């Protein structure tokens, strides 16, 4: 599926960073705490930082292109 979407030049952009540590994210609903509150230097918190950085980078690029 991913290869099909990535090969479609007119399709939506695909993030380089993938959402990992999904079990930790599902625990947010149980504990009420986000990954950085549970383990600030853990894999899930680092994954959130990487996703955030990429989204902000792409948003800035879109803004600059407008």
N, C-alpha and C. Protein backbone atom coordinates (compact mmCIF):
# COMPACT_ATOMS: atom_id res chain seq x y z
N UNK A 1 0.83 -1.19 0.00
CA UNK A 1 0.00 0.00 0.00
C UNK A 1 0.87 1.26 0.00
N UNK A 2 1.87 1.28 0.89
CA UNK A 2 2.71 2.48 0.98
C UNK A 2 3.42 2.76 -0.34
N UNK A 3 3.91 1.70 -1.00
CA UNK A 3 4.60 1.89 -2.28
C UNK A 3 3.67 2.49 -3.31
N UNK A 4 2.41 2.06 -3.29
CA UNK A 4 1.42 2.58 -4.24
C UNK A 4 1.19 4.07 -3.99
N UNK A 5 1.03 4.45 -2.75
CA UNK A 5 0.80 5.86 -2.41
C UNK A 5 2.03 6.69 -2.72
N UNK A 6 3.22 6.19 -2.37
CA UNK A 6 4.44 6.95 -2.60
C UNK A 6 4.74 7.12 -4.09
N UNK A 7 4.34 6.17 -4.92
CA UNK A 7 4.63 6.27 -6.34
C UNK A 7 3.67 7.22 -7.06
N UNK A 8 2.57 7.59 -6.43
CA UNK A 8 1.59 8.50 -7.01
C UNK A 8 2.05 9.94 -6.77
N UNK A 9 2.64 10.55 -7.79
CA UNK A 9 3.19 11.90 -7.65
C UNK A 9 2.14 12.95 -7.31
N UNK A 10 0.87 12.68 -7.68
CA UNK A 10 -0.21 13.63 -7.39
C UNK A 10 -0.91 13.31 -6.08
N UNK A 11 -0.48 12.25 -5.41
CA UNK A 11 -1.11 11.84 -4.15
C UNK A 11 -0.63 12.66 -2.98
N UNK A 12 -1.11 12.35 -1.81
CA UNK A 12 -0.71 13.11 -0.62
C UNK A 12 0.74 12.82 -0.25
N UNK A 13 1.42 13.79 0.36
CA UNK A 13 2.81 13.55 0.79
C UNK A 13 2.83 12.53 1.93
N UNK A 14 3.88 11.74 1.97
CA UNK A 14 4.05 10.73 3.01
C UNK A 14 5.17 11.20 3.94
N UNK A 15 4.91 11.16 5.25
CA UNK A 15 5.94 11.54 6.22
C UNK A 15 7.07 10.54 6.22
N UNK A 16 8.29 11.01 6.39
CA UNK A 16 9.46 10.13 6.50
C UNK A 16 9.43 9.40 7.84
N UNK A 17 8.98 10.08 8.85
CA UNK A 17 8.95 9.53 10.21
C UNK A 17 7.65 8.76 10.43
N UNK A 18 7.77 7.54 10.89
CA UNK A 18 6.58 6.72 11.14
C UNK A 18 6.20 6.76 12.62
N UNK A 19 4.93 6.55 12.88
CA UNK A 19 4.47 6.48 14.26
C UNK A 19 4.84 5.11 14.81
N UNK A 20 5.68 5.09 15.80
CA UNK A 20 6.15 3.84 16.41
C UNK A 20 5.63 3.78 17.85
N UNK A 21 5.95 2.72 18.53
CA UNK A 21 5.58 2.58 19.95
C UNK A 21 4.08 2.78 20.14
N UNK A 22 3.27 2.16 19.30
CA UNK A 22 1.83 2.40 19.31
C UNK A 22 1.16 1.99 20.63
N UNK A 23 1.68 1.00 21.30
CA UNK A 23 1.09 0.58 22.58
C UNK A 23 1.15 1.72 23.59
N UNK A 24 2.26 2.45 23.59
CA UNK A 24 2.41 3.57 24.52
C UNK A 24 1.36 4.64 24.22
N UNK A 25 1.07 4.88 22.95
CA UNK A 25 0.10 5.90 22.60
C UNK A 25 -1.31 5.47 23.00
N UNK A 26 -1.61 4.19 22.92
CA UNK A 26 -2.94 3.73 23.34
C UNK A 26 -3.10 3.85 24.85
N UNK A 27 -2.00 3.81 25.59
CA UNK A 27 -2.06 3.95 27.05
C UNK A 27 -2.40 5.38 27.48
N UNK A 28 -2.28 6.34 26.58
CA UNK A 28 -2.64 7.72 26.91
C UNK A 28 -4.07 7.78 27.43
N UNK A 29 -4.94 6.98 26.83
CA UNK A 29 -6.35 6.99 27.23
C UNK A 29 -6.57 6.36 28.60
N UNK A 30 -5.65 5.51 29.02
CA UNK A 30 -5.76 4.84 30.32
C UNK A 30 -5.11 5.68 31.42
N UNK A 31 -3.89 6.15 31.14
CA UNK A 31 -3.13 6.87 32.17
C UNK A 31 -3.38 8.37 32.18
N UNK A 32 -3.80 8.90 31.02
CA UNK A 32 -3.98 10.35 30.91
C UNK A 32 -2.66 11.10 30.77
N UNK A 33 -1.58 10.35 30.52
CA UNK A 33 -0.26 10.97 30.39
C UNK A 33 0.29 10.72 28.99
N UNK A 34 0.93 11.76 28.44
CA UNK A 34 1.58 11.63 27.14
C UNK A 34 2.96 11.01 27.34
N UNK A 35 3.56 10.47 26.28
CA UNK A 35 4.84 9.77 26.42
C UNK A 35 5.94 10.55 27.14
N UNK A 36 6.03 11.85 26.91
CA UNK A 36 7.11 12.60 27.57
C UNK A 36 6.91 12.71 29.08
N UNK A 37 5.66 12.54 29.54
CA UNK A 37 5.40 12.56 30.98
C UNK A 37 5.77 11.23 31.63
N UNK A 38 5.65 10.16 30.88
CA UNK A 38 5.96 8.83 31.39
C UNK A 38 7.46 8.58 31.37
N UNK A 39 8.10 8.86 30.23
CA UNK A 39 9.53 8.64 30.07
C UNK A 39 10.05 9.68 29.07
N UNK A 40 10.50 10.84 29.57
CA UNK A 40 10.90 11.94 28.69
C UNK A 40 11.97 11.59 27.64
N UNK A 41 12.81 10.64 27.93
CA UNK A 41 13.87 10.27 26.98
C UNK A 41 13.60 8.92 26.32
N UNK A 42 12.39 8.40 26.48
CA UNK A 42 12.04 7.10 25.92
C UNK A 42 11.80 7.16 24.42
N UNK A 43 11.66 5.99 23.82
CA UNK A 43 11.46 5.89 22.38
C UNK A 43 10.19 6.61 21.93
N UNK A 44 9.11 6.46 22.67
CA UNK A 44 7.84 7.09 22.28
C UNK A 44 7.96 8.62 22.31
N UNK A 45 8.58 9.17 23.35
CA UNK A 45 8.75 10.62 23.44
C UNK A 45 9.64 11.12 22.30
N UNK A 46 10.68 10.39 21.99
CA UNK A 46 11.56 10.76 20.87
C UNK A 46 10.80 10.68 19.55
N UNK A 47 9.93 9.69 19.41
CA UNK A 47 9.14 9.54 18.19
C UNK A 47 8.20 10.74 18.02
N UNK A 48 7.58 11.18 19.11
CA UNK A 48 6.70 12.35 19.05
C UNK A 48 7.50 13.58 18.64
N UNK A 49 8.69 13.75 19.20
CA UNK A 49 9.53 14.90 18.83
C UNK A 49 9.88 14.86 17.34
N UNK A 50 10.23 13.68 16.84
CA UNK A 50 10.59 13.55 15.42
C UNK A 50 9.40 13.85 14.52
N UNK A 51 8.23 13.32 14.87
CA UNK A 51 7.02 13.60 14.09
C UNK A 51 6.69 15.09 14.11
N UNK A 52 6.76 15.69 15.28
CA UNK A 52 6.47 17.12 15.42
C UNK A 52 7.43 17.94 14.57
N UNK A 53 8.71 17.62 14.63
CA UNK A 53 9.71 18.37 13.86
C UNK A 53 9.43 18.25 12.36
N UNK A 54 9.10 17.05 11.90
CA UNK A 54 8.84 16.89 10.47
C UNK A 54 7.58 17.64 10.04
N UNK A 55 6.53 17.56 10.83
CA UNK A 55 5.29 18.27 10.50
C UNK A 55 5.52 19.78 10.48
N UNK A 56 6.26 20.30 11.46
CA UNK A 56 6.56 21.74 11.48
C UNK A 56 7.41 22.14 10.28
N UNK A 57 8.36 21.29 9.92
CA UNK A 57 9.23 21.55 8.77
C UNK A 57 8.40 21.61 7.48
N UNK A 58 7.50 20.66 7.31
CA UNK A 58 6.66 20.63 6.10
C UNK A 58 5.67 21.79 6.09
N UNK A 59 5.16 22.15 7.24
CA UNK A 59 4.24 23.29 7.32
C UNK A 59 4.96 24.58 6.94
N UNK A 60 6.18 24.74 7.41
CA UNK A 60 6.98 25.93 7.07
C UNK A 60 7.27 25.96 5.57
N UNK A 61 7.56 24.80 4.98
CA UNK A 61 7.84 24.75 3.55
C UNK A 61 6.60 25.15 2.74
N UNK A 62 5.43 24.69 3.17
CA UNK A 62 4.19 25.05 2.50
C UNK A 62 3.93 26.56 2.62
N UNK A 63 4.19 27.09 3.82
CA UNK A 63 4.00 28.53 4.04
C UNK A 63 4.93 29.33 3.14
N UNK A 64 6.19 28.90 3.06
CA UNK A 64 7.17 29.63 2.25
C UNK A 64 6.86 29.54 0.75
N UNK A 65 6.25 28.43 0.35
CA UNK A 65 5.91 28.24 -1.06
C UNK A 65 4.67 29.03 -1.47
N UNK A 66 3.89 29.45 -0.48
CA UNK A 66 2.63 30.14 -0.79
C UNK A 66 2.87 31.59 -1.21
